[in-house]
Amino acid sequence: MRVVISNNAGIPIYEQIKEQIKTAILSGELKGDDLLPSVRQLARDLKISVITTMRAYADLEQEGFVVNVHGKGCYVQPQNSELIREQMLREVEAGLTAAISAARIAKLPKSELIDILHFLTREEGYE
């Protein structure tokens, strides 16, 4: 797994790390019981503060994606398929909520918003 951060992204670095690790877990790139890089190693590799890396790992642990075993490291939690589905549903809801807000600001009729959704799903091969 490779983590890439951007200082110009407008997103806190710990959030970028957390989201990339979460994506790797949800996609199956990282599997249950895989060992993540140590906090110090990841901080050194990314040339960032250890505190930033600790925050990302703490958030991942709080959300149930990893477990920190004192003295051994941070491990990916075996994923419950229901937990993965729930996480993905939250992401879909967040994206659709943002789209609805933007459509409302643009005074886009609901029918056009639905047409856009249909077009995009076809373009992505999601029918």
N, C-alpha and C. Protein backbone atom coordinates (compact mmCIF):
# COMPACT_ATOMS: atom_id res chain seq x y z
N MET A 1 0.83 -1.17 0.00
CA MET A 1 0.00 0.00 0.00
C MET A 1 0.88 1.25 0.00
N ARG A 2 0.50 2.20 -0.81
CA ARG A 2 1.26 3.44 -0.93
C ARG A 2 0.36 4.60 -0.52
N VAL A 3 0.83 5.44 0.38
CA VAL A 3 0.09 6.62 0.81
C VAL A 3 0.74 7.84 0.17
N VAL A 4 -0.10 8.67 -0.45
CA VAL A 4 0.38 9.89 -1.10
C VAL A 4 -0.36 11.06 -0.47
N ILE A 5 0.38 12.05 0.00
CA ILE A 5 -0.26 13.21 0.60
C ILE A 5 0.03 14.46 -0.22
N SER A 6 -0.86 15.42 -0.08
CA SER A 6 -0.70 16.70 -0.77
C SER A 6 -0.92 17.82 0.22
N ASN A 7 0.03 18.75 0.24
CA ASN A 7 -0.12 19.92 1.10
C ASN A 7 -1.09 20.93 0.52
N ASN A 8 -1.44 20.77 -0.75
CA ASN A 8 -2.32 21.71 -1.43
C ASN A 8 -3.74 21.19 -1.59
N ALA A 9 -4.06 20.06 -0.99
CA ALA A 9 -5.36 19.42 -1.19
C ALA A 9 -6.50 20.11 -0.46
N GLY A 10 -6.19 20.91 0.54
CA GLY A 10 -7.24 21.53 1.33
C GLY A 10 -7.87 20.57 2.32
N ILE A 11 -7.28 19.40 2.46
CA ILE A 11 -7.75 18.38 3.40
C ILE A 11 -6.60 18.12 4.36
N PRO A 12 -6.88 18.07 5.67
CA PRO A 12 -5.80 17.80 6.63
C PRO A 12 -5.05 16.51 6.27
N ILE A 13 -3.75 16.51 6.52
CA ILE A 13 -2.91 15.38 6.16
C ILE A 13 -3.36 14.10 6.85
N TYR A 14 -3.72 14.20 8.14
CA TYR A 14 -4.16 12.98 8.84
C TYR A 14 -5.41 12.40 8.17
N GLU A 15 -6.28 13.27 7.66
CA GLU A 15 -7.50 12.83 6.99
C GLU A 15 -7.16 12.15 5.66
N GLN A 16 -6.17 12.68 4.93
CA GLN A 16 -5.74 12.05 3.67
C GLN A 16 -5.21 10.64 3.94
N ILE A 17 -4.39 10.52 4.98
CA ILE A 17 -3.83 9.20 5.33
C ILE A 17 -4.95 8.25 5.71
N LYS A 18 -5.84 8.70 6.58
CA LYS A 18 -6.94 7.86 7.04
C LYS A 18 -7.79 7.39 5.87
N GLU A 19 -8.17 8.28 4.98
CA GLU A 19 -9.04 7.91 3.86
C GLU A 19 -8.35 6.95 2.90
N GLN A 20 -7.04 7.13 2.66
CA GLN A 20 -6.34 6.22 1.76
C GLN A 20 -6.21 4.82 2.37
N ILE A 21 -5.96 4.74 3.66
CA ILE A 21 -5.88 3.43 4.31
C ILE A 21 -7.26 2.78 4.34
N LYS A 22 -8.29 3.57 4.65
CA LYS A 22 -9.66 3.05 4.67
C LYS A 22 -10.05 2.52 3.29
N THR A 23 -9.71 3.26 2.25
CA THR A 23 -10.01 2.82 0.88
C THR A 23 -9.29 1.51 0.57
N ALA A 24 -8.03 1.40 0.99
CA ALA A 24 -7.27 0.17 0.75
C ALA A 24 -7.90 -1.01 1.48
N ILE A 25 -8.45 -0.76 2.66
CA ILE A 25 -9.10 -1.83 3.42
C ILE A 25 -10.41 -2.23 2.74
N LEU A 26 -11.23 -1.23 2.40
CA LEU A 26 -12.53 -1.51 1.80
C LEU A 26 -12.41 -2.16 0.43
N SER A 27 -11.34 -1.84 -0.30
CA SER A 27 -11.15 -2.43 -1.63
C SER A 27 -10.53 -3.82 -1.57
N GLY A 28 -10.04 -4.21 -0.40
CA GLY A 28 -9.42 -5.52 -0.25
C GLY A 28 -7.92 -5.52 -0.48
N GLU A 29 -7.36 -4.35 -0.80
CA GLU A 29 -5.90 -4.26 -0.96
C GLU A 29 -5.21 -4.60 0.36
N LEU A 30 -5.77 -4.10 1.47
CA LEU A 30 -5.32 -4.49 2.81
C LEU A 30 -6.36 -5.44 3.38
N LYS A 31 -5.89 -6.53 3.94
CA LYS A 31 -6.80 -7.55 4.46
C LYS A 31 -6.68 -7.65 5.98
N GLY A 32 -7.65 -8.32 6.56
CA GLY A 32 -7.64 -8.52 8.00
C GLY A 32 -6.33 -9.09 8.48
N ASP A 33 -5.84 -8.56 9.58
CA ASP A 33 -4.59 -8.96 10.24
C ASP A 33 -3.33 -8.48 9.54
N ASP A 34 -3.46 -7.72 8.43
CA ASP A 34 -2.27 -7.11 7.82
C ASP A 34 -1.71 -6.06 8.78
N LEU A 35 -0.40 -6.00 8.87
CA LEU A 35 0.27 -5.02 9.72
C LEU A 35 0.50 -3.74 8.94
N LEU A 36 0.05 -2.62 9.50
CA LEU A 36 0.32 -1.31 8.88
C LEU A 36 1.74 -0.88 9.24
N PRO A 37 2.30 0.04 8.46
CA PRO A 37 3.62 0.56 8.84
C PRO A 37 3.53 1.18 10.24
N SER A 38 4.63 1.14 10.97
CA SER A 38 4.61 1.75 12.29
C SER A 38 4.36 3.25 12.14
N VAL A 39 3.87 3.85 13.20
CA VAL A 39 3.59 5.29 13.20
C VAL A 39 4.85 6.06 12.82
N ARG A 40 5.96 5.69 13.42
CA ARG A 40 7.23 6.38 13.15
C ARG A 40 7.69 6.17 11.71
N GLN A 41 7.56 4.94 11.22
CA GLN A 41 8.00 4.64 9.86
C GLN A 41 7.17 5.41 8.84
N LEU A 42 5.85 5.42 8.99
CA LEU A 42 5.00 6.14 8.05
C LEU A 42 5.28 7.64 8.11
N ALA A 43 5.46 8.16 9.31
CA ALA A 43 5.78 9.59 9.46
C ALA A 43 7.11 9.92 8.77
N ARG A 44 8.08 9.06 8.94
CA ARG A 44 9.39 9.26 8.31
C ARG A 44 9.27 9.17 6.79
N ASP A 45 8.53 8.16 6.28
CA ASP A 45 8.36 7.99 4.83
C ASP A 45 7.66 9.19 4.19
N LEU A 46 6.67 9.73 4.91
CA LEU A 46 5.90 10.85 4.37
C LEU A 46 6.49 12.22 4.73
N LYS A 47 7.52 12.18 5.59
CA LYS A 47 8.17 13.42 6.05
C LYS A 47 7.16 14.33 6.75
N ILE A 48 6.43 13.72 7.70
CA ILE A 48 5.44 14.46 8.48
C ILE A 48 5.64 14.15 9.95
N SER A 49 4.88 14.82 10.79
CA SER A 49 4.95 14.63 12.23
C SER A 49 4.38 13.27 12.63
N VAL A 50 4.98 12.67 13.65
CA VAL A 50 4.47 11.43 14.21
C VAL A 50 3.06 11.65 14.75
N ILE A 51 2.80 12.83 15.30
CA ILE A 51 1.48 13.15 15.85
C ILE A 51 0.41 13.07 14.77
N THR A 52 0.74 13.52 13.56
CA THR A 52 -0.21 13.46 12.45
C THR A 52 -0.56 12.02 12.12
N THR A 53 0.45 11.17 12.06
CA THR A 53 0.23 9.75 11.76
C THR A 53 -0.56 9.09 12.89
N MET A 54 -0.24 9.44 14.13
CA MET A 54 -0.96 8.88 15.27
C MET A 54 -2.45 9.25 15.20
N ARG A 55 -2.74 10.47 14.78
CA ARG A 55 -4.14 10.91 14.67
C ARG A 55 -4.89 10.08 13.64
N ALA A 56 -4.25 9.82 12.49
CA ALA A 56 -4.89 9.02 11.44
C ALA A 56 -5.17 7.61 11.95
N TYR A 57 -4.18 6.99 12.60
CA TYR A 57 -4.34 5.64 13.11
C TYR A 57 -5.40 5.60 14.22
N ALA A 58 -5.41 6.61 15.08
CA ALA A 58 -6.40 6.66 16.16
C ALA A 58 -7.82 6.75 15.59
N ASP A 59 -8.00 7.58 14.57
CA ASP A 59 -9.31 7.70 13.92
C ASP A 59 -9.73 6.38 13.28
N LEU A 60 -8.79 5.71 12.61
CA LEU A 60 -9.09 4.41 12.00
C LEU A 60 -9.47 3.38 13.06
N GLU A 61 -8.80 3.43 14.19
CA GLU A 61 -9.13 2.49 15.27
C GLU A 61 -10.51 2.80 15.83
N GLN A 62 -10.80 4.07 16.02
CA GLN A 62 -12.10 4.48 16.55
C GLN A 62 -13.23 4.06 15.61
N GLU A 63 -12.97 4.08 14.31
CA GLU A 63 -13.99 3.70 13.32
C GLU A 63 -14.06 2.19 13.10
N GLY A 64 -13.17 1.44 13.77
CA GLY A 64 -13.23 -0.02 13.71
C GLY A 64 -12.49 -0.65 12.54
N PHE A 65 -11.61 0.11 11.88
CA PHE A 65 -10.88 -0.44 10.74
C PHE A 65 -9.57 -1.09 11.14
N VAL A 66 -8.97 -0.63 12.23
CA VAL A 66 -7.69 -1.19 12.68
C VAL A 66 -7.74 -1.38 14.19
N VAL A 67 -6.79 -2.16 14.67
CA VAL A 67 -6.62 -2.32 16.12
C VAL A 67 -5.14 -2.12 16.42
N ASN A 68 -4.87 -1.37 17.47
CA ASN A 68 -3.50 -1.12 17.87
C ASN A 68 -3.14 -2.09 18.99
N VAL A 69 -2.16 -2.93 18.74
CA VAL A 69 -1.70 -3.90 19.74
C VAL A 69 -0.43 -3.31 20.35
N HIS A 70 -0.54 -2.92 21.62
CA HIS A 70 0.57 -2.24 22.28
C HIS A 70 1.86 -3.04 22.16
N GLY A 71 2.89 -2.38 21.66
CA GLY A 71 4.21 -3.01 21.52
C GLY A 71 4.38 -3.84 20.26
N LYS A 72 3.28 -4.06 19.51
CA LYS A 72 3.38 -4.88 18.30
C LYS A 72 3.03 -4.13 17.04
N GLY A 73 2.17 -3.15 17.13
CA GLY A 73 1.82 -2.37 15.95
C GLY A 73 0.32 -2.27 15.72
N CYS A 74 0.00 -1.73 14.59
CA CYS A 74 -1.38 -1.47 14.21
C CYS A 74 -1.78 -2.46 13.11
N TYR A 75 -2.84 -3.23 13.37
CA TYR A 75 -3.27 -4.28 12.45
C TYR A 75 -4.65 -3.96 11.88
N VAL A 76 -4.85 -4.36 10.63
CA VAL A 76 -6.16 -4.22 10.00
C VAL A 76 -7.11 -5.20 10.66
N GLN A 77 -8.28 -4.71 11.04
CA GLN A 77 -9.31 -5.57 11.62
C GLN A 77 -9.92 -6.42 10.51
N PRO A 78 -10.17 -7.69 10.78
CA PRO A 78 -10.92 -8.48 9.80
C PRO A 78 -12.27 -7.78 9.58
N GLN A 79 -12.64 -7.61 8.33
CA GLN A 79 -13.82 -6.80 8.02
C GLN A 79 -15.09 -7.63 7.97
N ASN A 80 -16.05 -7.15 8.70
CA ASN A 80 -17.39 -7.68 8.69
C ASN A 80 -18.07 -7.11 7.45
N SER A 81 -18.65 -7.96 6.61
CA SER A 81 -19.24 -7.47 5.36
C SER A 81 -20.36 -6.47 5.62
N GLU A 82 -21.06 -6.60 6.73
CA GLU A 82 -22.12 -5.64 7.07
C GLU A 82 -21.51 -4.28 7.42
N LEU A 83 -20.37 -4.28 8.11
CA LEU A 83 -19.69 -3.03 8.44
C LEU A 83 -19.22 -2.34 7.16
N ILE A 84 -18.67 -3.10 6.23
CA ILE A 84 -18.21 -2.54 4.96
C ILE A 84 -19.39 -1.95 4.21
N ARG A 85 -20.49 -2.68 4.13
CA ARG A 85 -21.68 -2.18 3.44
C ARG A 85 -22.17 -0.88 4.08
N GLU A 86 -22.22 -0.84 5.39
CA GLU A 86 -22.68 0.36 6.10
C GLU A 86 -21.77 1.55 5.82
N GLN A 87 -20.47 1.31 5.81
CA GLN A 87 -19.50 2.38 5.52
C GLN A 87 -19.70 2.90 4.11
N MET A 88 -19.89 2.00 3.17
CA MET A 88 -20.08 2.42 1.78
C MET A 88 -21.41 3.17 1.62
N LEU A 89 -22.44 2.74 2.32
CA LEU A 89 -23.72 3.46 2.27
C LEU A 89 -23.57 4.88 2.79
N ARG A 90 -22.80 5.05 3.86
CA ARG A 90 -22.56 6.40 4.41
C ARG A 90 -21.85 7.27 3.38
N GLU A 91 -20.88 6.70 2.67
CA GLU A 91 -20.16 7.46 1.65
C GLU A 91 -21.08 7.85 0.50
N VAL A 92 -21.94 6.92 0.07
CA VAL A 92 -22.90 7.21 -1.00
C VAL A 92 -23.84 8.32 -0.55
N GLU A 93 -24.37 8.21 0.67
CA GLU A 93 -25.28 9.23 1.19
C GLU A 93 -24.60 10.60 1.26
N ALA A 94 -23.35 10.63 1.70
CA ALA A 94 -22.63 11.90 1.79
C ALA A 94 -22.45 12.52 0.40
N GLY A 95 -22.08 11.70 -0.57
CA GLY A 95 -21.90 12.19 -1.93
C GLY A 95 -23.20 12.70 -2.54
N LEU A 96 -24.27 11.95 -2.33
CA LEU A 96 -25.57 12.37 -2.87
C LEU A 96 -26.09 13.63 -2.16
N THR A 97 -25.84 13.73 -0.87
CA THR A 97 -26.25 14.93 -0.14
C THR A 97 -25.52 16.15 -0.67
N ALA A 98 -24.23 16.01 -0.94
CA ALA A 98 -23.46 17.12 -1.51
C ALA A 98 -23.99 17.48 -2.90
N ALA A 99 -24.33 16.47 -3.70
CA ALA A 99 -24.87 16.71 -5.04
C ALA A 99 -26.22 17.43 -4.96
N ILE A 100 -27.06 17.01 -4.04
CA ILE A 100 -28.37 17.65 -3.88
C ILE A 100 -28.20 19.10 -3.46
N SER A 101 -27.28 19.36 -2.55
CA SER A 101 -27.03 20.74 -2.10
C SER A 101 -26.56 21.61 -3.26
N ALA A 102 -25.63 21.08 -4.06
CA ALA A 102 -25.13 21.84 -5.21
C ALA A 102 -26.25 22.07 -6.22
N ALA A 103 -27.09 21.07 -6.45
CA ALA A 103 -28.21 21.21 -7.39
C ALA A 103 -29.20 22.25 -6.90
N ARG A 104 -29.45 22.27 -5.62
CA ARG A 104 -30.37 23.26 -5.04
C ARG A 104 -29.83 24.67 -5.24
N ILE A 105 -28.53 24.85 -4.99
CA ILE A 105 -27.90 26.17 -5.17
C ILE A 105 -27.99 26.60 -6.64
N ALA A 106 -27.80 25.64 -7.55
CA ALA A 106 -27.85 25.93 -8.98
C ALA A 106 -29.29 26.01 -9.50
N LYS A 107 -30.27 25.79 -8.58
CA LYS A 107 -31.70 25.81 -8.95
C LYS A 107 -31.99 24.78 -10.06
N LEU A 108 -31.36 23.65 -9.95
CA LEU A 108 -31.54 22.56 -10.91
C LEU A 108 -32.78 21.76 -10.53
N PRO A 109 -33.69 21.55 -11.44
CA PRO A 109 -34.88 20.75 -11.10
C PRO A 109 -34.48 19.31 -10.75
N LYS A 110 -35.29 18.70 -9.89
CA LYS A 110 -35.04 17.33 -9.45
C LYS A 110 -34.92 16.39 -10.65
N SER A 111 -35.75 16.59 -11.66
CA SER A 111 -35.72 15.71 -12.84
C SER A 111 -34.36 15.77 -13.54
N GLU A 112 -33.76 16.97 -13.62
CA GLU A 112 -32.42 17.09 -14.24
C GLU A 112 -31.35 16.41 -13.39
N LEU A 113 -31.48 16.53 -12.08
CA LEU A 113 -30.53 15.87 -11.18
C LEU A 113 -30.59 14.36 -11.38
N ILE A 114 -31.80 13.84 -11.49
CA ILE A 114 -31.97 12.40 -11.71
C ILE A 114 -31.42 12.00 -13.08
N ASP A 115 -31.64 12.84 -14.10
CA ASP A 115 -31.09 12.57 -15.43
C ASP A 115 -29.56 12.50 -15.38
N ILE A 116 -28.95 13.40 -14.63
CA ILE A 116 -27.48 13.41 -14.48
C ILE A 116 -27.02 12.11 -13.82
N LEU A 117 -27.74 11.70 -12.78
CA LEU A 117 -27.39 10.45 -12.10
C LEU A 117 -27.48 9.27 -13.05
N HIS A 118 -28.55 9.23 -13.84
CA HIS A 118 -28.71 8.14 -14.83
C HIS A 118 -27.57 8.16 -15.85
N PHE A 119 -27.22 9.34 -16.34
CA PHE A 119 -26.14 9.47 -17.32
C PHE A 119 -24.82 8.98 -16.73
N LEU A 120 -24.51 9.45 -15.53
CA LEU A 120 -23.23 9.09 -14.91
C LEU A 120 -23.16 7.59 -14.60
N THR A 121 -24.25 6.99 -14.18
CA THR A 121 -24.21 5.55 -13.91
C THR A 121 -24.00 4.76 -15.19
N ARG A 122 -24.60 5.23 -16.28
CA ARG A 122 -24.37 4.56 -17.57
C ARG A 122 -22.92 4.70 -18.00
N GLU A 123 -22.38 5.91 -17.86
CA GLU A 123 -20.98 6.17 -18.25
C GLU A 123 -20.00 5.29 -17.46
N GLU A 124 -20.34 5.04 -16.21
CA GLU A 124 -19.48 4.23 -15.34
C GLU A 124 -19.75 2.73 -15.48
N GLY A 125 -20.71 2.38 -16.33
CA GLY A 125 -21.03 0.96 -16.50
C GLY A 125 -21.79 0.38 -15.33
N TYR A 126 -22.47 1.23 -14.59
CA TYR A 126 -23.23 0.81 -13.42
C TYR A 126 -24.71 0.87 -13.75
N GLU A 127 -25.23 -0.22 -14.24
CA GLU A 127 -26.66 -0.28 -14.64
C GLU A 127 -27.36 -1.32 -13.84
